[in-house]
Amino acid sequence: MDTTPMFPHADREISHKRRELAPETLSAFQAFSRQVFADGALPRKIKQLIAVAVAHTTQCPYCIRGHTEGALKAGASEQEIMEAIWVAAEMRAGGAYAHSALAIDTMNQHAHPSTET
């Protein structure tokens, strides 16, 4: 049985390889990230809570861990983090519900096929 983890721990070796493969792009991405999460019209805490929610909708385990830690460091409470996660869950469920219109439309098309040729 393979016991290799699906998501490897992001260690120094992986970080070094990323930098080695695309140093300018990595540097630009890091600068972009620092700018995005800096205090602005939205405080850093709110930005991190948004990131926690988005990380749960994209289901990125690295982002979930990193932005949960970032939110805590920015002063978010555990309750605020959980509420952000519930917002993500509602948005994900809402998306599935909203997109059911596509399935219903397809079912309607098959129930009443067009007579156009």
Foldseek 3Di string as FASTA:
>chain_A
DDPDDPDDDCDPVNVVVVCVVPVVVVVVVVVVVCVQQPQDPHHNLVSLLLQCLVCVLVVDPVSVVVSVVSNVVSPDDPVSSVVSVVVSVCVNVVVVVVCVVVVVVVVVCVVPPDPDD
